[in-house]
Amino acid sequence: MTSRTPASRRRTAAALAALLAAAEPAAAERPIRYSPERGGSCTVMIPYYGPRALWIGRLAAERPLDVSSDRIFSDARTAESCFFTEAECRTWLARLMIDWRPRPGFALCEPAGGAVMRGGTGPVKP
């Protein structure tokens, strides 16, 4: 029986730890969930597709909240979603505005890249 030195044990433990770390599966990236009706998360889509390929829809709105009380309460919300086309963005916005009353200037669709092609048909593509 051979005796092991503390340094030898540390090297063995380090090698075993490296082997186990290499054997673990890599963490899956966050999936991109997108539908033309709801859009997708801008936090996920912008790094993947780039800002010039996307439109951002933003809304700050409110609606009356029925609480069966003498006081009037309102339910205020904000929403943001990313889309591939301006038409999808505007459709999303129009659907939300059926039930929600937007605050002035807080219902918009704009190119994520900031520049619009001539004619307003979409973001500038490289």
Protein backbone atom coordinates (compact mmCIF):
# COMPACT_ATOMS: atom_id res chain seq x y z
CA MET A 1 0.00 0.00 0.00
CA THR A 2 1.44 3.35 -1.01
CA SER A 3 0.84 6.50 0.97
CA ARG A 4 -0.24 9.60 -0.89
CA THR A 5 1.08 13.03 -0.13
CA PRO A 6 -1.29 15.99 0.36
CA ALA A 7 -0.03 17.53 -2.91
CA SER A 8 -0.80 14.31 -4.77
CA ARG A 9 -4.30 14.25 -3.30
CA ARG A 10 -4.89 17.86 -4.35
CA ARG A 11 -3.77 17.13 -7.90
CA THR A 12 -6.06 14.10 -8.05
CA ALA A 13 -9.00 16.11 -6.69
CA ALA A 14 -8.35 18.92 -9.19
CA ALA A 15 -8.18 16.45 -12.09
CA LEU A 16 -11.41 14.78 -10.95
CA ALA A 17 -13.16 18.16 -10.64
CA ALA A 18 -12.02 19.16 -14.15
CA LEU A 19 -13.24 15.84 -15.54
CA LEU A 20 -16.66 16.22 -13.91
CA ALA A 21 -16.99 19.82 -15.09
CA ALA A 22 -16.25 18.78 -18.67
CA ALA A 23 -18.83 15.98 -18.49
CA GLU A 24 -21.71 18.27 -17.46
CA PRO A 25 -24.04 19.29 -20.30
CA ALA A 26 -23.83 22.93 -21.28
CA ALA A 27 -26.66 25.16 -20.07
CA ALA A 28 -29.28 25.62 -22.76
CA GLU A 29 -29.74 29.16 -24.03
CA ARG A 30 -33.04 30.86 -23.38
CA PRO A 31 -35.44 29.86 -26.18
CA ILE A 32 -36.86 32.57 -28.41
CA ARG A 33 -40.63 32.46 -28.18
CA TYR A 34 -42.21 34.48 -30.96
CA SER A 35 -45.60 34.76 -32.60
CA PRO A 36 -46.77 37.48 -35.02
CA GLU A 37 -49.72 38.21 -32.70
CA ARG A 38 -47.73 38.66 -29.47
CA GLY A 39 -44.21 39.36 -30.67
CA GLY A 40 -41.24 38.27 -28.63
CA SER A 41 -38.96 39.37 -25.83
CA CYS A 42 -36.74 42.24 -26.95
CA THR A 43 -34.13 41.21 -24.37
CA VAL A 44 -33.70 37.89 -26.17
CA MET A 45 -34.36 38.90 -29.79
CA ILE A 46 -32.16 42.02 -30.15
CA PRO A 47 -28.85 40.26 -29.32
CA TYR A 48 -29.77 37.35 -31.62
CA TYR A 49 -31.23 39.14 -34.67
CA GLY A 50 -29.71 42.60 -34.19
CA PRO A 51 -31.65 45.83 -33.70
CA ARG A 52 -31.86 46.68 -37.41
CA ALA A 53 -34.02 43.62 -38.12
CA LEU A 54 -36.67 44.39 -35.50
CA TRP A 55 -39.49 46.75 -34.54
CA ILE A 56 -40.24 47.54 -30.89
CA GLY A 57 -43.83 48.08 -29.80
CA ARG A 58 -44.39 49.96 -26.54
CA LEU A 59 -47.59 50.77 -24.70
CA ALA A 60 -48.42 52.47 -21.41
CA ALA A 61 -52.17 52.32 -20.84
CA GLU A 62 -54.91 51.96 -18.29
CA ARG A 63 -58.46 50.73 -17.99
CA PRO A 64 -61.12 51.09 -15.30
CA LEU A 65 -60.93 48.48 -12.57
CA ASP A 66 -64.29 47.21 -11.33
CA VAL A 67 -63.99 46.76 -7.57
CA SER A 68 -67.62 47.47 -6.60
CA SER A 69 -66.64 50.53 -4.62
CA ASP A 70 -67.60 54.18 -4.45
CA ARG A 71 -64.09 55.11 -5.56
CA ILE A 72 -62.87 54.78 -9.13
CA PHE A 73 -59.75 52.70 -9.57
CA SER A 74 -57.74 52.15 -12.73
CA ASP A 75 -55.47 49.30 -13.72
CA ALA A 76 -52.33 50.79 -15.30
CA ARG A 77 -49.87 48.64 -17.23
CA THR A 78 -46.91 48.88 -19.56
CA ALA A 79 -46.00 46.46 -22.33
CA GLU A 80 -43.11 46.02 -24.71
CA SER A 81 -42.66 43.47 -27.46
CA CYS A 82 -40.43 42.98 -30.53
CA PHE A 83 -41.59 42.18 -34.07
CA PHE A 84 -40.03 41.51 -37.47
CA THR A 85 -42.34 43.88 -39.37
CA GLU A 86 -44.01 47.21 -38.70
CA ALA A 87 -47.39 45.70 -39.69
CA GLU A 88 -47.15 43.00 -36.99
CA CYS A 89 -46.21 45.65 -34.44
CA ARG A 90 -49.11 47.94 -35.35
CA THR A 91 -51.57 45.02 -35.29
CA TRP A 92 -50.39 44.09 -31.77
CA LEU A 93 -50.79 47.69 -30.66
CA ALA A 94 -54.29 47.98 -32.17
CA ARG A 95 -55.44 44.80 -30.41
CA LEU A 96 -54.22 46.05 -27.04
CA MET A 97 -55.87 49.44 -27.53
CA ILE A 98 -59.30 47.78 -27.83
CA ASP A 99 -59.38 47.16 -24.06
CA TRP A 100 -56.73 49.58 -22.82
CA ARG A 101 -56.74 53.39 -23.06
CA PRO A 102 -53.18 54.51 -23.88
CA ARG A 103 -51.61 57.53 -22.28
CA PRO A 104 -50.89 60.29 -24.83
CA GLY A 105 -47.64 59.57 -26.65
CA PHE A 106 -47.15 56.14 -25.05
CA ALA A 107 -48.45 53.83 -27.78
CA LEU A 108 -45.88 53.46 -30.53
CA CYS A 109 -44.04 51.16 -32.87
CA GLU A 110 -40.51 52.16 -33.76
CA PRO A 111 -37.55 50.50 -35.45
CA ALA A 112 -35.18 48.99 -32.90
CA GLY A 113 -32.23 50.20 -34.98
CA GLY A 114 -33.47 53.79 -34.95
CA ALA A 115 -33.44 54.47 -38.72
CA VAL A 116 -36.36 53.85 -41.07
CA MET A 117 -36.02 53.17 -44.79
CA ARG A 118 -37.50 55.70 -47.19
CA GLY A 119 -41.24 55.09 -47.38
CA GLY A 120 -41.39 53.84 -43.79
CA THR A 121 -41.51 50.19 -44.77
CA GLY A 122 -39.04 48.90 -42.23
CA PRO A 123 -35.71 49.29 -40.51
CA VAL A 124 -32.62 49.84 -42.61
CA LYS A 125 -31.00 46.50 -43.40
CA PRO A 126 -27.21 46.27 -43.76
